[in-house]
Amino acid sequence: MSRFIQALLALGLVAGVAACAAPAPEQEEIIFIEPAPISHDPVSTKYR
């Protein structure tokens, strides 16, 4: 193989090992908010 391909493979291997060795990010706290109840408008027969 050419030197260029070997260098790319080596660089990819180093990047892969570095990505796997990085510590996992901290878990974010998830907050659920209850939606406001839906209120219906009064029904009118004026326009029927």
N, C-alpha and C. Protein backbone atom coordinates (compact mmCIF):
# COMPACT_ATOMS: atom_id res chain seq x y z
N MET A 1 0.84 -1.19 0.00
CA MET A 1 0.00 0.00 0.00
C MET A 1 0.88 1.24 0.00
N SER A 2 0.33 2.29 -0.52
CA SER A 2 1.11 3.52 -0.56
C SER A 2 1.17 4.14 0.83
N ARG A 3 2.11 5.01 1.01
CA ARG A 3 2.31 5.68 2.31
C ARG A 3 1.09 6.53 2.68
N PHE A 4 0.47 7.13 1.66
CA PHE A 4 -0.69 7.98 1.90
C PHE A 4 -1.85 7.17 2.49
N ILE A 5 -2.13 6.01 1.92
CA ILE A 5 -3.21 5.16 2.42
C ILE A 5 -2.88 4.66 3.82
N GLN A 6 -1.65 4.29 4.07
CA GLN A 6 -1.25 3.84 5.40
C GLN A 6 -1.40 4.97 6.42
N ALA A 7 -1.06 6.18 6.03
CA ALA A 7 -1.20 7.32 6.94
C ALA A 7 -2.68 7.57 7.24
N LEU A 8 -3.54 7.48 6.24
CA LEU A 8 -4.98 7.66 6.46
C LEU A 8 -5.53 6.58 7.38
N LEU A 9 -5.14 5.34 7.18
CA LEU A 9 -5.60 4.25 8.04
C LEU A 9 -5.11 4.46 9.48
N ALA A 10 -3.86 4.87 9.64
CA ALA A 10 -3.33 5.10 10.98
C ALA A 10 -4.06 6.26 11.66
N LEU A 11 -4.33 7.30 10.91
CA LEU A 11 -5.05 8.45 11.46
C LEU A 11 -6.46 8.05 11.86
N GLY A 12 -7.13 7.25 11.05
CA GLY A 12 -8.47 6.76 11.38
C GLY A 12 -8.47 5.89 12.62
N LEU A 13 -7.45 5.05 12.74
CA LEU A 13 -7.34 4.19 13.93
C LEU A 13 -7.13 5.02 15.18
N VAL A 14 -6.26 6.01 15.11
CA VAL A 14 -6.02 6.89 16.26
C VAL A 14 -7.28 7.66 16.63
N ALA A 15 -8.01 8.16 15.63
CA ALA A 15 -9.24 8.90 15.90
C ALA A 15 -10.29 7.99 16.53
N GLY A 16 -10.39 6.75 16.07
CA GLY A 16 -11.35 5.80 16.63
C GLY A 16 -11.03 5.46 18.07
N VAL A 17 -9.75 5.22 18.36
CA VAL A 17 -9.35 4.91 19.74
C VAL A 17 -9.59 6.11 20.64
N ALA A 18 -9.30 7.31 20.16
CA ALA A 18 -9.51 8.51 20.96
C ALA A 18 -11.01 8.73 21.24
N ALA A 19 -11.86 8.44 20.26
CA ALA A 19 -13.30 8.61 20.47
C ALA A 19 -13.84 7.60 21.48
N CYS A 20 -13.32 6.39 21.46
CA CYS A 20 -13.80 5.36 22.39
C CYS A 20 -13.24 5.60 23.80
N ALA A 21 -12.10 6.24 23.91
CA ALA A 21 -11.48 6.45 25.21
C ALA A 21 -12.01 7.69 25.91
N ALA A 22 -12.75 8.55 25.21
CA ALA A 22 -13.27 9.78 25.81
C ALA A 22 -14.33 9.42 26.86
N PRO A 23 -14.36 10.15 27.98
CA PRO A 23 -15.37 9.85 28.99
C PRO A 23 -16.76 10.21 28.48
N ALA A 24 -17.75 9.47 28.95
CA ALA A 24 -19.13 9.70 28.52
C ALA A 24 -19.63 11.02 29.11
N PRO A 25 -20.41 11.79 28.35
CA PRO A 25 -20.94 13.05 28.88
C PRO A 25 -21.93 12.77 30.01
N GLU A 26 -22.07 13.75 30.90
CA GLU A 26 -22.99 13.59 32.01
C GLU A 26 -24.44 13.57 31.50
N GLN A 27 -25.26 12.79 32.18
CA GLN A 27 -26.67 12.68 31.81
C GLN A 27 -27.40 13.96 32.17
N GLU A 28 -28.15 14.50 31.22
CA GLU A 28 -28.92 15.71 31.48
C GLU A 28 -30.22 15.36 32.20
N GLU A 29 -30.67 16.26 33.07
CA GLU A 29 -31.92 16.04 33.77
C GLU A 29 -33.07 16.41 32.85
N ILE A 30 -34.05 15.53 32.73
CA ILE A 30 -35.19 15.76 31.86
C ILE A 30 -36.39 16.10 32.74
N ILE A 31 -37.05 17.20 32.40
CA ILE A 31 -38.21 17.65 33.17
C ILE A 31 -39.42 17.64 32.25
N PHE A 32 -40.48 16.96 32.67
CA PHE A 32 -41.72 16.92 31.92
C PHE A 32 -42.70 17.91 32.54
N ILE A 33 -43.33 18.73 31.70
CA ILE A 33 -44.28 19.72 32.17
C ILE A 33 -45.66 19.32 31.66
N GLU A 34 -46.62 19.26 32.57
CA GLU A 34 -47.99 18.91 32.18
C GLU A 34 -48.59 20.06 31.38
N PRO A 35 -49.16 19.78 30.22
CA PRO A 35 -49.78 20.86 29.44
C PRO A 35 -51.06 21.34 30.12
N ALA A 36 -51.40 22.59 29.89
CA ALA A 36 -52.63 23.15 30.45
C ALA A 36 -53.82 22.47 29.81
N PRO A 37 -54.88 22.24 30.58
CA PRO A 37 -56.06 21.59 29.99
C PRO A 37 -56.69 22.48 28.91
N ILE A 38 -57.21 21.86 27.90
CA ILE A 38 -57.80 22.59 26.79
C ILE A 38 -59.22 23.00 27.17
N SER A 39 -59.53 24.28 27.05
CA SER A 39 -60.88 24.74 27.34
C SER A 39 -61.57 25.05 26.02
N HIS A 40 -62.81 24.60 25.91
CA HIS A 40 -63.57 24.80 24.68
C HIS A 40 -64.38 26.08 24.78
N ASP A 41 -64.51 26.74 23.64
CA ASP A 41 -65.32 27.96 23.60
C ASP A 41 -66.80 27.57 23.70
N PRO A 42 -67.60 28.44 24.27
CA PRO A 42 -69.04 28.14 24.33
C PRO A 42 -69.64 28.05 22.93
N VAL A 43 -70.55 27.14 22.77
CA VAL A 43 -71.17 26.93 21.45
C VAL A 43 -72.36 27.87 21.32
N SER A 44 -72.39 28.56 20.19
CA SER A 44 -73.49 29.48 19.92
C SER A 44 -74.19 29.05 18.65
N THR A 45 -75.49 29.21 18.61
CA THR A 45 -76.26 28.86 17.40
C THR A 45 -76.60 30.10 16.59
N LYS A 46 -75.98 31.20 16.87
CA LYS A 46 -76.30 32.47 16.21
C LYS A 46 -76.03 32.40 14.71
N TYR A 47 -74.95 31.76 14.26
CA TYR A 47 -74.56 31.77 12.86
C TYR A 47 -74.91 30.47 12.14
N ARG A 48 -75.73 29.66 12.69
CA ARG A 48 -76.08 28.40 12.03
C ARG A 48 -77.28 28.55 11.16
